Amino acid sequence: MIVRFHPEADKELRESQTWYAQQRLGLDAEFMRCVDEAICRIRNNPNSFPVALRQSRKAMVKRFPYTLYFVVGESEIMILAVFHTRRNPKAWKRRVDS
């Protein structure tokens, strides 16, 4: 299945990667490796992840305090949010209906 990012999820991913790059050399690459691994798990078995809100599901990113929220379509998976677990979840929930 094709994996696409909601524009706001893409922005969240880039901002998080930049933040980790500023923290320690190579930490941004490790973050991206862990996000890629989570996306591979989603792609391999998307319906195995718990439902978060209506038709959206969630997958935790290993080693980092992030959750990927996504919806599964017929031919694609849409990542709705790359969300830090300490943020207010109301911020991504409006994307479920868009």
Protein backbone atom coordinates (compact mmCIF):
# COMPACT_ATOMS: atom_id res chain seq x y z
CA MET A 1 0.00 0.00 0.00
CA ILE A 2 1.02 3.56 -0.64
CA VAL A 3 1.71 5.65 2.46
CA ARG A 4 0.97 9.37 2.24
CA PHE A 5 1.32 12.13 4.81
CA HIS A 6 -1.31 14.73 5.62
CA PRO A 7 0.38 18.14 5.11
CA GLU A 8 0.28 18.86 8.85
CA ALA A 9 1.76 15.42 9.63
CA ASP A 10 4.56 16.11 7.16
CA LYS A 11 5.22 19.43 8.89
CA GLU A 12 5.24 17.73 12.32
CA LEU A 13 7.72 15.13 11.05
CA ARG A 14 10.09 17.77 9.63
CA GLU A 15 9.89 19.90 12.79
CA SER A 16 10.60 16.90 15.02
CA GLN A 17 13.52 15.81 12.87
CA THR A 18 14.98 19.33 13.03
CA TRP A 19 14.57 19.43 16.81
CA TYR A 20 16.40 16.10 17.24
CA ALA A 21 19.18 17.27 14.89
CA GLN A 22 19.80 20.18 17.24
CA GLN A 23 19.95 17.93 20.31
CA ARG A 24 22.73 15.54 19.33
CA LEU A 25 24.62 14.60 16.20
CA GLY A 26 22.87 11.73 14.45
CA LEU A 27 19.80 11.71 16.69
CA ASP A 28 17.65 13.00 13.83
CA ALA A 29 18.71 10.03 11.68
CA GLU A 30 17.86 7.64 14.52
CA PHE A 31 14.47 9.29 14.91
CA MET A 32 13.77 8.93 11.20
CA ARG A 33 14.89 5.29 11.26
CA CYS A 34 12.41 4.60 14.05
CA VAL A 35 9.61 6.44 12.22
CA ASP A 36 10.40 4.45 9.06
CA GLU A 37 10.26 1.23 11.06
CA ALA A 38 6.84 2.20 12.43
CA ILE A 39 5.63 2.95 8.91
CA CYS A 40 6.85 -0.47 7.75
CA ARG A 41 4.90 -2.11 10.58
CA ILE A 42 1.81 -0.14 9.59
CA ARG A 43 2.20 -1.00 5.91
CA ASN A 44 2.63 -4.72 6.65
CA ASN A 45 -0.48 -5.06 8.81
CA PRO A 46 -2.39 -1.78 9.16
CA ASN A 47 -5.53 -3.23 10.71
CA SER A 48 -3.62 -4.80 13.59
CA PHE A 49 -3.16 -1.41 15.29
CA PRO A 50 -5.66 -0.14 17.86
CA VAL A 51 -8.39 2.26 16.84
CA ALA A 52 -7.78 5.75 18.17
CA LEU A 53 -10.79 7.73 16.98
CA ARG A 54 -13.52 6.59 14.58
CA GLN A 55 -11.64 5.02 11.65
CA SER A 56 -8.17 6.26 12.68
CA ARG A 57 -5.56 3.99 14.22
CA LYS A 58 -2.34 4.59 16.10
CA ALA A 59 1.17 3.16 16.10
CA MET A 60 3.85 4.04 18.62
CA VAL A 61 7.33 5.01 17.44
CA LYS A 62 9.92 2.94 19.27
CA ARG A 63 12.51 4.79 21.41
CA PHE A 64 10.84 8.18 20.91
CA PRO A 65 7.71 9.67 22.52
CA TYR A 66 5.75 9.85 19.26
CA THR A 67 2.62 8.23 17.93
CA LEU A 68 1.65 7.96 14.28
CA TYR A 69 -2.09 8.37 13.74
CA PHE A 70 -3.36 7.04 10.43
CA VAL A 71 -6.37 5.91 8.42
CA VAL A 72 -6.46 2.94 6.09
CA GLY A 73 -8.07 3.37 2.67
CA GLU A 74 -8.58 0.89 -0.12
CA SER A 75 -5.25 1.59 -1.77
CA GLU A 76 -3.41 3.90 0.59
CA ILE A 77 -2.60 4.68 4.19
CA MET A 78 -2.82 8.32 5.21
CA ILE A 79 -0.63 9.39 8.13
CA LEU A 80 -2.72 12.06 9.85
CA ALA A 81 -0.28 13.03 12.58
CA VAL A 82 3.26 12.51 13.82
CA PHE A 83 2.35 13.44 17.33
CA HIS A 84 4.44 13.91 20.47
CA THR A 85 2.72 12.03 23.28
CA ARG A 86 2.77 15.05 25.61
CA ARG A 87 0.82 17.29 23.25
CA ASN A 88 -2.90 17.83 23.56
CA PRO A 89 -4.54 15.19 21.32
CA LYS A 90 -7.32 17.57 20.29
CA ALA A 91 -4.85 19.15 17.87
CA TRP A 92 -4.83 16.15 15.49
CA LYS A 93 -8.40 14.88 15.92
CA ARG A 94 -9.92 17.38 13.49
CA ARG A 95 -7.85 15.78 10.71
CA VAL A 96 -9.85 12.54 10.98
CA ASP A 97 -12.82 14.08 9.24
CA SER A 98 -10.88 15.99 6.58
